[in-house]
Amino acid sequence: MKYSIEFLQGQIEKDLLSLYDFEENFAVSLLKYSENIIYKVAFKTAEPVVFRIHRLGYHTERELESELIWMNEIARDTDISLPVIYAGRDGRFLQKLVLPDGTVFNCSVISFLYGKAVGELKGERLIAKMRDIGEMTAKLHLQSINRDNSVRLERPHWDCESFFGENAVWGHWQDYSLLTESDRVLFSQCETLIKQKLAHYGKARDRYGIIHADMHFFNIITDGEKDQLIDFDDCGWGYYLYDFGCSLVTYSAALPELTAAWLEGYEKIRKLSDGDKKMLPLFLLLRRIVRLAWLSSHADSDTAKTVGADYLEATRELGEKFLSENKVN
């Protein structure tokens, strides 16, 4: 990254009060560096907020505005808990952070959510929480299915072209540095079969629409009483069941139990066909393979630095099982 975390933090400290009507006494600290750079802004008397610097070139301004529009729709149409979006002094949710050299970052501010990430839960507590996540996911999908499509959302598509095409959103899984030659053969076979099955599955309105596309357990914050969904940065048009794959992307143990819990919660709100349920292993494997591309193209991120060889080994095992169950030699 051209600009250091510390430099950008200093720029926030310099420009925050010209962009937002906040109190003068505040302190800025880094929360996370992943797709975006996320800072916490703590005040002397007011509740803290989260300041997001959006990655250059990842989304257009219209795409970022569409993310915020959909978040407001969800807050209006469902009981899903989301962060509050703060408008700037000019009344707009999307603001500009202008650096001394003329570089302009889009930025936004949301409320700070208290609690712990669901990813910190283990064992039976995690399985129980998975039912709640399934229920939340179904509510999100129903909102998407029933929303007013005359309100256009300009967001990327999560389909085979975006996953595997020449201009794939996150790059190419083949670039992941730890792959062996046998891995390349295995995942190439998986990719071919995934494409075939998705072409047959289709993009009917009850299967494909606006989705969160990153509902992993560290993007759901629980305070003991409610679960709060964060980080809509990757939301876009995609297969609804891709959100299932996102939820379990980092898990290889207890997959049958976690899947059953997710389904139980989901079907309390929205029933799935047998055909849909048979696609769940595909979407889990798809997400795991595509994440290899992300890990390669985001090698300097906090998240990528925590991923070890066990992730690749588990993905390899799921790929072999997928091919075996679909009778591919």
C-alpha atoms as a PDB file:
ATOM      1  CA  MET A   1       0.000   0.000   0.000  1.00  0.00           C
ATOM      2  CA  LYS A   2       1.339   3.409  -0.989  1.00  0.00           C
ATOM      3  CA  TYR A   3       0.151   5.195   2.155  1.00  0.00           C
ATOM      4  CA  SER A   4       0.986   3.919   5.620  1.00  0.00           C
ATOM      5  CA  ILE A   5      -1.622   3.141   8.266  1.00  0.00           C
ATOM      6  CA  GLU A   6      -0.096   5.867  10.445  1.00  0.00           C
ATOM      7  CA  PHE A   7      -0.166   8.487   7.677  1.00  0.00           C
ATOM      8  CA  LEU A   8      -3.842   7.869   6.934  1.00  0.00           C
ATOM      9  CA  GLN A   9      -4.654   7.930  10.630  1.00  0.00           C
ATOM     10  CA  GLY A  10      -3.044  11.355  10.843  1.00  0.00           C
ATOM     11  CA  GLN A  11      -5.132  12.524   7.895  1.00  0.00           C
ATOM     12  CA  ILE A  12      -8.319  11.418   9.678  1.00  0.00           C
ATOM     13  CA  GLU A  13      -7.235  13.289  12.795  1.00  0.00           C
ATOM     14  CA  LYS A  14      -6.672  16.399  10.672  1.00  0.00           C
ATOM     15  CA  ASP A  15      -9.885  16.305   8.599  1.00  0.00           C
ATOM     16  CA  LEU A  16     -12.507  14.508  10.724  1.00  0.00           C
ATOM     17  CA  LEU A  17     -14.193  17.613  12.085  1.00  0.00           C
ATOM     18  CA  SER A  18     -14.349  19.290   8.689  1.00  0.00           C
ATOM     19  CA  LEU A  19     -16.219  16.247   7.339  1.00  0.00           C
ATOM     20  CA  TYR A  20     -18.448  15.346  10.309  1.00  0.00           C
ATOM     21  CA  ASP A  21     -20.195  17.194  13.096  1.00  0.00           C
ATOM     22  CA  PHE A  22     -18.484  15.354  15.957  1.00  0.00           C
ATOM     23  CA  GLU A  23     -17.152  16.608  19.273  1.00  0.00           C
ATOM     24  CA  GLU A  24     -13.648  18.026  19.301  1.00  0.00           C
ATOM     25  CA  ASN A  25     -12.079  15.639  21.802  1.00  0.00           C
ATOM     26  CA  PHE A  26     -11.373  12.347  20.025  1.00  0.00           C
ATOM     27  CA  ALA A  27      -8.718   9.675  19.530  1.00  0.00           C
ATOM     28  CA  VAL A  28      -8.198   7.532  16.416  1.00  0.00           C
ATOM     29  CA  SER A  29      -6.848   3.964  16.479  1.00  0.00           C
ATOM     30  CA  LEU A  30      -6.607   1.149  13.921  1.00  0.00           C
ATOM     31  CA  LEU A  31      -9.256  -1.575  14.140  1.00  0.00           C
ATOM     32  CA  LYS A  32      -8.506  -3.681  11.058  1.00  0.00           C
ATOM     33  CA  TYR A  33      -6.715  -3.604   7.743  1.00  0.00           C
ATOM     34  CA  SER A  34      -8.341  -5.930   5.219  1.00  0.00           C
ATOM     35  CA  GLU A  35     -10.253  -4.892   2.078  1.00  0.00           C
ATOM     36  CA  ASN A  36     -10.679  -1.440   3.616  1.00  0.00           C
ATOM     37  CA  ILE A  37      -8.748   0.275   6.385  1.00  0.00           C
ATOM     38  CA  ILE A  38     -10.923   0.516   9.471  1.00  0.00           C
ATOM     39  CA  TYR A  39     -10.298   2.906  12.359  1.00  0.00           C
ATOM     40  CA  LYS A  40     -12.084   3.423  15.663  1.00  0.00           C
ATOM     41  CA  VAL A  41     -12.765   6.993  16.690  1.00  0.00           C
ATOM     42  CA  ALA A  42     -13.316   7.346  20.442  1.00  0.00           C
ATOM     43  CA  PHE A  43     -14.785  10.516  21.941  1.00  0.00           C
ATOM     44  CA  LYS A  44     -14.604  11.944  25.436  1.00  0.00           C
ATOM     45  CA  THR A  45     -18.380  11.904  26.008  1.00  0.00           C
ATOM     46  CA  ALA A  46     -20.084  10.502  22.871  1.00  0.00           C
ATOM     47  CA  GLU A  47     -20.289   6.881  21.700  1.00  0.00           C
ATOM     48  CA  PRO A  48     -17.381   5.765  19.489  1.00  0.00           C
ATOM     49  CA  VAL A  49     -17.726   5.389  15.730  1.00  0.00           C
ATOM     50  CA  VAL A  50     -15.968   3.435  12.990  1.00  0.00           C
ATOM     51  CA  PHE A  51     -14.229   5.360  10.208  1.00  0.00           C
ATOM     52  CA  ARG A  52     -13.810   3.358   6.990  1.00  0.00           C
ATOM     53  CA  ILE A  53     -11.326   4.331   4.291  1.00  0.00           C
ATOM     54  CA  HIS A  54     -12.467   2.487   1.182  1.00  0.00           C
ATOM     55  CA  ARG A  55      -9.812   0.813  -0.913  1.00  0.00           C
ATOM     56  CA  LEU A  56      -8.814   2.761  -4.021  1.00  0.00           C
ATOM     57  CA  GLY A  57     -10.164   1.278  -7.236  1.00  0.00           C
ATOM     58  CA  TYR A  58     -12.170  -1.513  -5.625  1.00  0.00           C
ATOM     59  CA  HIS A  59     -15.602   0.125  -5.966  1.00  0.00           C
ATOM     60  CA  THR A  60     -16.946   3.093  -7.880  1.00  0.00           C
ATOM     61  CA  GLU A  61     -18.590   5.928  -6.006  1.00  0.00           C
ATOM     62  CA  ARG A  62     -22.002   4.744  -7.205  1.00  0.00           C
ATOM     63  CA  GLU A  63     -21.261   1.227  -5.954  1.00  0.00           C
ATOM     64  CA  LEU A  64     -20.345   2.571  -2.525  1.00  0.00           C
ATOM     65  CA  GLU A  65     -23.523   4.644  -2.409  1.00  0.00           C
ATOM     66  CA  SER A  66     -25.534   1.531  -3.382  1.00  0.00           C
ATOM     67  CA  GLU A  67     -24.020  -0.384  -0.456  1.00  0.00           C
ATOM     68  CA  LEU A  68     -25.301   2.271   1.938  1.00  0.00           C
ATOM     69  CA  ILE A  69     -28.714   2.385   0.225  1.00  0.00           C
ATOM     70  CA  TRP A  70     -29.158  -1.364   0.682  1.00  0.00           C
ATOM     71  CA  MET A  71     -28.083  -1.209   4.320  1.00  0.00           C
ATOM     72  CA  ASN A  72     -30.764   1.421   4.928  1.00  0.00           C
ATOM     73  CA  GLU A  73     -33.345  -0.781   3.179  1.00  0.00           C
ATOM     74  CA  ILE A  74     -32.445  -3.732   5.400  1.00  0.00           C
ATOM     75  CA  ALA A  75     -32.750  -1.609   8.528  1.00  0.00           C
ATOM     76  CA  ARG A  76     -36.160  -0.419   7.316  1.00  0.00           C
ATOM     77  CA  ASP A  77     -37.561  -3.742   6.088  1.00  0.00           C
ATOM     78  CA  THR A  78     -36.225  -6.290   8.599  1.00  0.00           C
ATOM     79  CA  ASP A  79     -35.335  -6.727  12.258  1.00  0.00           C
ATOM     80  CA  ILE A  80     -31.684  -7.462  11.418  1.00  0.00           C
ATOM     81  CA  SER A  81     -29.372  -5.305  13.545  1.00  0.00           C
ATOM     82  CA  LEU A  82     -26.932  -3.212  11.518  1.00  0.00           C
ATOM     83  CA  PRO A  83     -24.574  -0.329  12.252  1.00  0.00           C
ATOM     84  CA  VAL A  84     -26.016   3.182  11.984  1.00  0.00           C
ATOM     85  CA  ILE A  85     -24.612   5.158   9.035  1.00  0.00           C
ATOM     86  CA  TYR A  86     -23.584   8.740   9.827  1.00  0.00           C
ATOM     87  CA  ALA A  87     -24.078  11.537   7.335  1.00  0.00           C
ATOM     88  CA  GLY A  88     -21.381  14.146   6.905  1.00  0.00           C
ATOM     89  CA  ARG A  89     -21.802  17.887   7.311  1.00  0.00           C
ATOM     90  CA  ASP A  90     -23.020  18.066   3.709  1.00  0.00           C
ATOM     91  CA  GLY A  91     -25.770  15.496   4.373  1.00  0.00           C
ATOM     92  CA  ARG A  92     -24.125  12.729   2.314  1.00  0.00           C
ATOM     93  CA  PHE A  93     -23.195   9.309   3.671  1.00  0.00           C
ATOM     94  CA  LEU A  94     -20.142   9.056   1.425  1.00  0.00           C
ATOM     95  CA  GLN A  95     -17.366  11.543   2.136  1.00  0.00           C
ATOM     96  CA  LYS A  96     -13.987  12.389   0.586  1.00  0.00           C
ATOM     97  CA  LEU A  97     -10.652  12.234   2.365  1.00  0.00           C
ATOM     98  CA  VAL A  98      -8.296  14.365   0.270  1.00  0.00           C
ATOM     99  CA  LEU A  99      -4.564  13.805   0.777  1.00  0.00           C
ATOM    100  CA  PRO A 100      -1.908  16.498   0.314  1.00  0.00           C
ATOM    101  CA  ASP A 101      -0.813  14.967  -3.025  1.00  0.00           C
ATOM    102  CA  GLY A 102      -4.371  15.192  -4.376  1.00  0.00           C
ATOM    103  CA  THR A 103      -5.286  11.513  -3.909  1.00  0.00           C
ATOM    104  CA  VAL A 104      -8.949  11.156  -2.922  1.00  0.00           C
ATOM    105  CA  PHE A 105     -10.223   8.295  -0.779  1.00  0.00           C
ATOM    106  CA  ASN A 106     -13.939   7.625  -0.369  1.00  0.00           C
ATOM    107  CA  CYS A 107     -14.794   7.167   3.277  1.00  0.00           C
ATOM    108  CA  SER A 108     -17.799   6.564   5.487  1.00  0.00           C
ATOM    109  CA  VAL A 109     -18.610   6.430   9.182  1.00  0.00           C
ATOM    110  CA  ILE A 110     -20.797   3.916  10.989  1.00  0.00           C
ATOM    111  CA  SER A 111     -21.604   3.254  14.620  1.00  0.00           C
ATOM    112  CA  PHE A 112     -19.273   1.122  16.725  1.00  0.00           C
ATOM    113  CA  LEU A 113     -20.909  -2.157  17.760  1.00  0.00           C
ATOM    114  CA  TYR A 114     -20.231  -3.672  21.163  1.00  0.00           C
ATOM    115  CA  GLY A 115     -19.844  -7.410  21.664  1.00  0.00           C
ATOM    116  CA  LYS A 116     -17.653 -10.202  20.353  1.00  0.00           C
ATOM    117  CA  ALA A 117     -17.337 -11.758  16.927  1.00  0.00           C
ATOM    118  CA  VAL A 118     -19.242 -15.022  16.517  1.00  0.00           C
ATOM    119  CA  GLY A 119     -15.948 -16.479  15.273  1.00  0.00           C
ATOM    120  CA  GLU A 120     -14.698 -16.405  18.862  1.00  0.00           C
ATOM    121  CA  LEU A 121     -17.331 -18.968  19.903  1.00  0.00           C
ATOM    122  CA  LYS A 122     -16.492 -22.664  20.007  1.00  0.00           C
ATOM    123  CA  GLY A 123     -18.206 -26.035  20.156  1.00  0.00           C
ATOM    124  CA  GLU A 124     -21.879 -26.190  21.086  1.00  0.00           C
ATOM    125  CA  ARG A 125     -22.100 -22.432  21.534  1.00  0.00           C
ATOM    126  CA  LEU A 126     -21.045 -21.952  17.923  1.00  0.00           C
ATOM    127  CA  ILE A 127     -23.485 -24.594  16.650  1.00  0.00           C
ATOM    128  CA  ALA A 128     -26.325 -22.941  18.576  1.00  0.00           C
ATOM    129  CA  LYS A 129     -25.371 -19.543  17.159  1.00  0.00           C
ATOM    130  CA  MET A 130     -25.327 -21.035  13.659  1.00  0.00           C
ATOM    131  CA  ARG A 131     -29.111 -21.456  13.862  1.00  0.00           C
ATOM    132  CA  ASP A 132     -29.433 -17.723  14.519  1.00  0.00           C
ATOM    133  CA  ILE A 133     -27.143 -16.954  11.580  1.00  0.00           C
ATOM    134  CA  GLY A 134     -29.224 -19.170   9.296  1.00  0.00           C
ATOM    135  CA  GLU A 135     -32.341 -17.288  10.376  1.00  0.00           C
ATOM    136  CA  MET A 136     -30.659 -13.923   9.799  1.00  0.00           C
ATOM    137  CA  THR A 137     -29.484 -15.023   6.355  1.00  0.00           C
ATOM    138  CA  ALA A 138     -32.988 -16.075   5.323  1.00  0.00           C
ATOM    139  CA  LYS A 139     -34.405 -12.710   6.416  1.00  0.00           C
ATOM    140  CA  LEU A 140     -31.752 -10.967   4.358  1.00  0.00           C
ATOM    141  CA  HIS A 141     -32.595 -13.087   1.307  1.00  0.00           C
ATOM    142  CA  LEU A 142     -36.316 -12.460   1.610  1.00  0.00           C
ATOM    143  CA  GLN A 143     -35.649  -8.729   1.705  1.00  0.00           C
ATOM    144  CA  SER A 144     -33.588  -9.099  -1.453  1.00  0.00           C
ATOM    145  CA  ILE A 145     -36.225 -11.175  -3.239  1.00  0.00           C
ATOM    146  CA  ASN A 146     -39.030  -8.771  -2.339  1.00  0.00           C
ATOM    147  CA  ARG A 147     -37.223  -5.416  -2.579  1.00  0.00           C
ATOM    148  CA  ASP A 148     -38.286  -2.717  -5.034  1.00  0.00           C
ATOM    149  CA  ASN A 149     -36.008  -3.304  -8.006  1.00  0.00           C
ATOM    150  CA  SER A 150     -36.887   0.090  -9.439  1.00  0.00           C
ATOM    151  CA  VAL A 151     -34.409   1.365  -6.826  1.00  0.00           C
ATOM    152  CA  ARG A 152     -31.261   0.381  -8.709  1.00  0.00           C
ATOM    153  CA  LEU A 153     -28.269  -0.925  -6.833  1.00  0.00           C
ATOM    154  CA  GLU A 154     -25.024  -0.744  -8.754  1.00  0.00           C
ATOM    155  CA  ARG A 155     -22.954  -3.516  -7.219  1.00  0.00           C
ATOM    156  CA  PRO A 156     -20.578  -6.166  -8.613  1.00  0.00           C
ATOM    157  CA  HIS A 157     -21.822  -9.620  -9.610  1.00  0.00           C
ATOM    158  CA  TRP A 158     -20.573 -12.747  -7.857  1.00  0.00           C
ATOM    159  CA  ASP A 159     -20.871 -15.276 -10.668  1.00  0.00           C
ATOM    160  CA  CYS A 160     -18.525 -17.573 -12.561  1.00  0.00           C
ATOM    161  CA  GLU A 161     -16.999 -14.709 -14.522  1.00  0.00           C
ATOM    162  CA  SER A 162     -16.242 -12.793 -11.316  1.00  0.00           C
ATOM    163  CA  PHE A 163     -14.968 -15.918  -9.550  1.00  0.00           C
ATOM    164  CA  PHE A 164     -12.900 -17.478 -12.316  1.00  0.00           C
ATOM    165  CA  GLY A 165     -12.837 -15.196 -15.363  1.00  0.00           C
ATOM    166  CA  GLU A 166      -9.923 -13.344 -16.897  1.00  0.00           C
ATOM    167  CA  ASN A 167     -10.808 -10.248 -14.832  1.00  0.00           C
ATOM    168  CA  ALA A 168     -11.881 -12.079 -11.689  1.00  0.00           C
ATOM    169  CA  VAL A 169     -12.669  -9.661  -8.850  1.00  0.00           C
ATOM    170  CA  TRP A 170     -10.025 -11.061  -6.469  1.00  0.00           C
ATOM    171  CA  GLY A 171      -7.595 -12.406  -9.030  1.00  0.00           C
ATOM    172  CA  HIS A 172      -6.962 -16.084  -9.672  1.00  0.00           C
ATOM    173  CA  TRP A 173      -6.707 -18.970  -7.239  1.00  0.00           C
ATOM    174  CA  GLN A 174      -3.838 -20.354  -9.337  1.00  0.00           C
ATOM    175  CA  ASP A 175      -1.656 -17.528  -7.968  1.00  0.00           C
ATOM    176  CA  TYR A 176      -1.777 -18.837  -4.396  1.00  0.00           C
ATOM    177  CA  SER A 177       1.841 -19.538  -3.498  1.00  0.00           C
ATOM    178  CA  LEU A 178       1.387 -22.795  -1.547  1.00  0.00           C
ATOM    179  CA  LEU A 179      -0.358 -24.734  -4.309  1.00  0.00           C
ATOM    180  CA  THR A 180       1.243 -27.951  -5.520  1.00  0.00           C
ATOM    181  CA  GLU A 181       0.906 -29.247  -9.058  1.00  0.00           C
ATOM    182  CA  SER A 182      -1.605 -31.847  -7.863  1.00  0.00           C
ATOM    183  CA  ASP A 183      -3.593 -29.037  -6.189  1.00  0.00           C
ATOM    184  CA  ARG A 184      -3.772 -27.218  -9.513  1.00  0.00           C
ATOM    185  CA  VAL A 185      -5.141 -30.309 -11.231  1.00  0.00           C
ATOM    186  CA  LEU A 186      -7.633 -30.941  -8.432  1.00  0.00           C
ATOM    187  CA  PHE A 187      -8.973 -27.396  -8.234  1.00  0.00           C
ATOM    188  CA  SER A 188      -9.125 -27.077 -12.026  1.00  0.00           C
ATOM    189  CA  GLN A 189     -11.413 -30.128 -12.079  1.00  0.00           C
ATOM    190  CA  CYS A 190     -13.477 -28.603  -9.268  1.00  0.00           C
ATOM    191  CA  GLU A 191     -13.745 -25.296 -11.133  1.00  0.00           C
ATOM    192  CA  THR A 192     -14.971 -27.030 -14.288  1.00  0.00           C
ATOM    193  CA  LEU A 193     -17.624 -28.975 -12.406  1.00  0.00           C
ATOM    194  CA  ILE A 194     -18.729 -25.934 -10.389  1.00  0.00           C
ATOM    195  CA  LYS A 195     -19.237 -23.955 -13.607  1.00  0.00           C
ATOM    196  CA  GLN A 196     -21.305 -26.772 -15.117  1.00  0.00           C
ATOM    197  CA  LYS A 197     -23.514 -27.124 -12.064  1.00  0.00           C
ATOM    198  CA  LEU A 198     -24.068 -23.382 -11.663  1.00  0.00           C
ATOM    199  CA  ALA A 199     -25.036 -23.080 -15.327  1.00  0.00           C
ATOM    200  CA  HIS A 200     -27.679 -25.751 -14.728  1.00  0.00           C
ATOM    201  CA  TYR A 201     -28.752 -24.222 -11.392  1.00  0.00           C
ATOM    202  CA  GLY A 202     -29.493 -20.889 -13.033  1.00  0.00           C
ATOM    203  CA  LYS A 203     -30.190 -17.365 -11.824  1.00  0.00           C
ATOM    204  CA  ALA A 204     -33.925 -17.368 -11.140  1.00  0.00           C
ATOM    205  CA  ARG A 205     -35.113 -14.636  -8.785  1.00  0.00           C
ATOM    206  CA  ASP A 206     -35.419 -17.097  -5.889  1.00  0.00           C
ATOM    207  CA  ARG A 207     -31.804 -18.209  -6.380  1.00  0.00           C
ATOM    208  CA  TYR A 208     -29.899 -15.085  -7.403  1.00  0.00           C
ATOM    209  CA  GLY A 209     -30.165 -11.530  -6.106  1.00  0.00           C
ATOM    210  CA  ILE A 210     -28.410  -8.952  -3.945  1.00  0.00           C
ATOM    211  CA  ILE A 211     -26.456 -10.754  -1.189  1.00  0.00           C
ATOM    212  CA  HIS A 212     -24.039  -9.867   1.598  1.00  0.00           C
ATOM    213  CA  ALA A 213     -21.323 -12.094   0.051  1.00  0.00           C
ATOM    214  CA  ASP A 214     -19.089 -12.047   3.135  1.00  0.00           C
ATOM    215  CA  MET A 215     -21.160 -13.417   6.041  1.00  0.00           C
ATOM    216  CA  HIS A 216     -18.271 -15.110   7.820  1.00  0.00           C
ATOM    217  CA  PHE A 217     -18.335 -15.372  11.595  1.00  0.00           C
ATOM    218  CA  PHE A 218     -16.116 -12.351  12.185  1.00  0.00           C
ATOM    219  CA  ASN A 219     -18.599 -10.126  10.349  1.00  0.00           C
ATOM    220  CA  ILE A 220     -21.335 -10.949  12.857  1.00  0.00           C
ATOM    221  CA  ILE A 221     -21.005  -9.332  16.272  1.00  0.00           C
ATOM    222  CA  THR A 222     -23.021 -10.703  19.189  1.00  0.00           C
ATOM    223  CA  ASP A 223     -23.588  -8.856  22.453  1.00  0.00           C
ATOM    224  CA  GLY A 224     -25.357 -11.783  24.120  1.00  0.00           C
ATOM    225  CA  GLU A 225     -28.849 -10.545  23.260  1.00  0.00           C
ATOM    226  CA  LYS A 226     -28.696  -9.722  19.563  1.00  0.00           C
ATOM    227  CA  ASP A 227     -26.540 -10.467  16.554  1.00  0.00           C
ATOM    228  CA  GLN A 228     -25.323  -7.548  14.474  1.00  0.00           C
ATOM    229  CA  LEU A 229     -24.279  -7.861  10.823  1.00  0.00           C
ATOM    230  CA  ILE A 230     -21.373  -5.715   9.622  1.00  0.00           C
ATOM    231  CA  ASP A 231     -19.089  -5.195   6.590  1.00  0.00           C
ATOM    232  CA  PHE A 232     -21.236  -4.931   3.469  1.00  0.00           C
ATOM    233  CA  ASP A 233     -18.205  -3.997   1.388  1.00  0.00           C
ATOM    234  CA  ASP A 234     -18.532  -7.101  -0.810  1.00  0.00           C
ATOM    235  CA  CYS A 235     -22.321  -7.076  -1.140  1.00  0.00           C
ATOM    236  CA  GLY A 236     -23.444  -7.612  -4.714  1.00  0.00           C
ATOM    237  CA  TRP A 237     -25.555  -9.685  -7.062  1.00  0.00           C
ATOM    238  CA  GLY A 238     -25.015 -13.376  -6.518  1.00  0.00           C
ATOM    239  CA  TYR A 239     -26.384 -16.793  -5.630  1.00  0.00           C
ATOM    240  CA  TYR A 240     -28.209 -16.675  -2.301  1.00  0.00           C
ATOM    241  CA  LEU A 241     -26.570 -19.884  -1.103  1.00  0.00           C
ATOM    242  CA  TYR A 242     -23.140 -18.349  -1.637  1.00  0.00           C
ATOM    243  CA  ASP A 243     -23.815 -16.647   1.704  1.00  0.00           C
ATOM    244  CA  PHE A 244     -23.841 -20.128   3.277  1.00  0.00           C
ATOM    245  CA  GLY A 245     -20.410 -20.839   1.833  1.00  0.00           C
ATOM    246  CA  CYS A 246     -19.169 -17.531   3.227  1.00  0.00           C
ATOM    247  CA  SER A 247     -20.408 -18.422   6.706  1.00  0.00           C
ATOM    248  CA  LEU A 248     -18.441 -21.669   6.929  1.00  0.00           C
ATOM    249  CA  VAL A 249     -15.450 -20.785   4.746  1.00  0.00           C
ATOM    250  CA  THR A 250     -12.897 -21.111   7.560  1.00  0.00           C
ATOM    251  CA  TYR A 251     -14.372 -24.226   9.178  1.00  0.00           C
ATOM    252  CA  SER A 252     -13.546 -27.839   8.406  1.00  0.00           C
ATOM    253  CA  ALA A 253     -14.482 -29.513  11.702  1.00  0.00           C
ATOM    254  CA  ALA A 254     -18.104 -30.276  12.602  1.00  0.00           C
ATOM    255  CA  LEU A 255     -19.314 -29.273   9.138  1.00  0.00           C
ATOM    256  CA  PRO A 256     -22.353 -31.618   9.195  1.00  0.00           C
ATOM    257  CA  GLU A 257     -23.483 -30.225  12.564  1.00  0.00           C
ATOM    258  CA  LEU A 258     -22.893 -26.604  11.563  1.00  0.00           C
ATOM    259  CA  THR A 259     -24.649 -27.096   8.221  1.00  0.00           C
ATOM    260  CA  ALA A 260     -27.659 -28.736   9.891  1.00  0.00           C
ATOM    261  CA  ALA A 261     -27.892 -25.885  12.406  1.00  0.00           C
ATOM    262  CA  TRP A 262     -27.711 -23.259   9.650  1.00  0.00           C
ATOM    263  CA  LEU A 263     -30.434 -25.047   7.673  1.00  0.00           C
ATOM    264  CA  GLU A 264     -32.658 -25.359  10.724  1.00  0.00           C
ATOM    265  CA  GLY A 265     -32.458 -21.621  11.336  1.00  0.00           C
ATOM    266  CA  TYR A 266     -32.782 -20.687   7.671  1.00  0.00           C
ATOM    267  CA  GLU A 267     -35.882 -22.816   7.079  1.00  0.00           C
ATOM    268  CA  LYS A 268     -37.666 -21.251  10.031  1.00  0.00           C
ATOM    269  CA  ILE A 269     -37.922 -18.224   7.737  1.00  0.00           C
ATOM    270  CA  ARG A 270     -37.568 -19.501   4.169  1.00  0.00           C
ATOM    271  CA  LYS A 271     -37.871 -23.057   2.860  1.00  0.00           C
ATOM    272  CA  LEU A 272     -35.291 -24.452   0.459  1.00  0.00           C
ATOM    273  CA  SER A 273     -35.915 -27.094  -2.175  1.00  0.00           C
ATOM    274  CA  ASP A 274     -34.051 -30.410  -2.162  1.00  0.00           C
ATOM    275  CA  GLY A 275     -32.172 -29.129  -5.205  1.00  0.00           C
ATOM    276  CA  ASP A 276     -31.046 -26.060  -3.275  1.00  0.00           C
ATOM    277  CA  LYS A 277     -29.859 -28.161  -0.337  1.00  0.00           C
ATOM    278  CA  LYS A 278     -27.799 -30.402  -2.605  1.00  0.00           C
ATOM    279  CA  MET A 279     -25.905 -27.295  -3.755  1.00  0.00           C
ATOM    280  CA  LEU A 280     -24.643 -26.353  -0.278  1.00  0.00           C
ATOM    281  CA  PRO A 281     -21.349 -28.329  -0.512  1.00  0.00           C
ATOM    282  CA  LEU A 282     -20.677 -26.698  -3.885  1.00  0.00           C
ATOM    283  CA  PHE A 283     -21.052 -23.184  -2.503  1.00  0.00           C
ATOM    284  CA  LEU A 284     -18.812 -23.972   0.456  1.00  0.00           C
ATOM    285  CA  LEU A 285     -16.075 -25.343  -1.799  1.00  0.00           C
ATOM    286  CA  LEU A 286     -16.528 -22.449  -4.242  1.00  0.00           C
ATOM    287  CA  ARG A 287     -15.968 -19.904  -1.500  1.00  0.00           C
ATOM    288  CA  ARG A 288     -12.913 -21.731  -0.210  1.00  0.00           C
ATOM    289  CA  ILE A 289     -11.300 -21.881  -3.668  1.00  0.00           C
ATOM    290  CA  VAL A 290     -12.097 -18.252  -4.474  1.00  0.00           C
ATOM    291  CA  ARG A 291     -10.642 -17.235  -1.108  1.00  0.00           C
ATOM    292  CA  LEU A 292      -7.281 -18.594  -2.268  1.00  0.00           C
ATOM    293  CA  ALA A 293      -7.320 -15.825  -4.879  1.00  0.00           C
ATOM    294  CA  TRP A 294      -8.144 -13.256  -2.207  1.00  0.00           C
ATOM    295  CA  LEU A 295      -5.346 -14.489   0.059  1.00  0.00           C
ATOM    296  CA  SER A 296      -2.902 -14.194  -2.831  1.00  0.00           C
ATOM    297  CA  SER A 297      -3.972 -10.702  -3.908  1.00  0.00           C
ATOM    298  CA  HIS A 298      -4.241  -9.431  -0.316  1.00  0.00           C
ATOM    299  CA  ALA A 299      -1.109 -11.023   1.113  1.00  0.00           C
ATOM    300  CA  ASP A 300      -0.276  -7.865   3.102  1.00  0.00           C
ATOM    301  CA  SER A 301      -3.644  -7.776   4.912  1.00  0.00           C
ATOM    302  CA  ASP A 302      -4.106  -8.655   8.584  1.00  0.00           C
ATOM    303  CA  THR A 303      -6.439 -11.506   7.607  1.00  0.00           C
ATOM    304  CA  ALA A 304      -4.099 -13.163   5.105  1.00  0.00           C
ATOM    305  CA  LYS A 305      -1.264 -13.214   7.626  1.00  0.00           C
ATOM    306  CA  THR A 306      -3.306 -15.455   9.941  1.00  0.00           C
ATOM    307  CA  VAL A 307      -4.057 -18.172   7.344  1.00  0.00           C
ATOM    308  CA  GLY A 308      -1.839 -21.247   7.451  1.00  0.00           C
ATOM    309  CA  ALA A 309      -1.348 -24.435   5.461  1.00  0.00           C
ATOM    310  CA  ASP A 310      -4.252 -26.122   7.258  1.00  0.00           C
ATOM    311  CA  TYR A 311      -6.692 -23.997   5.244  1.00  0.00           C
ATOM    312  CA  LEU A 312      -5.315 -25.355   1.975  1.00  0.00           C
ATOM    313  CA  GLU A 313      -5.336 -28.915   3.316  1.00  0.00           C
ATOM    314  CA  ALA A 314      -9.008 -28.669   4.327  1.00  0.00           C
ATOM    315  CA  THR A 315      -9.899 -27.147   0.940  1.00  0.00           C
ATOM    316  CA  ARG A 316      -8.063 -29.982  -0.781  1.00  0.00           C
ATOM    317  CA  GLU A 317     -10.060 -32.559   1.193  1.00  0.00           C
ATOM    318  CA  LEU A 318     -13.369 -30.867   0.384  1.00  0.00           C
ATOM    319  CA  GLY A 319     -12.425 -30.722  -3.294  1.00  0.00           C
ATOM    320  CA  GLU A 320     -11.603 -34.416  -3.391  1.00  0.00           C
ATOM    321  CA  LYS A 321     -14.883 -35.253  -1.674  1.00  0.00           C
ATOM    322  CA  PHE A 322     -16.831 -33.018  -4.073  1.00  0.00           C
ATOM    323  CA  LEU A 323     -15.348 -34.716  -7.124  1.00  0.00           C
ATOM    324  CA  SER A 324     -15.820 -38.183  -5.647  1.00  0.00           C
ATOM    325  CA  GLU A 325     -19.470 -37.586  -4.798  1.00  0.00           C
ATOM    326  CA  ASN A 326     -20.100 -36.251  -8.287  1.00  0.00           C
ATOM    327  CA  LYS A 327     -18.342 -39.223  -9.872  1.00  0.00           C
ATOM    328  CA  VAL A 328     -15.507 -37.286 -11.458  1.00  0.00           C
ATOM    329  CA  ASN A 329     -12.239 -39.198 -11.799  1.00  0.00           C
END
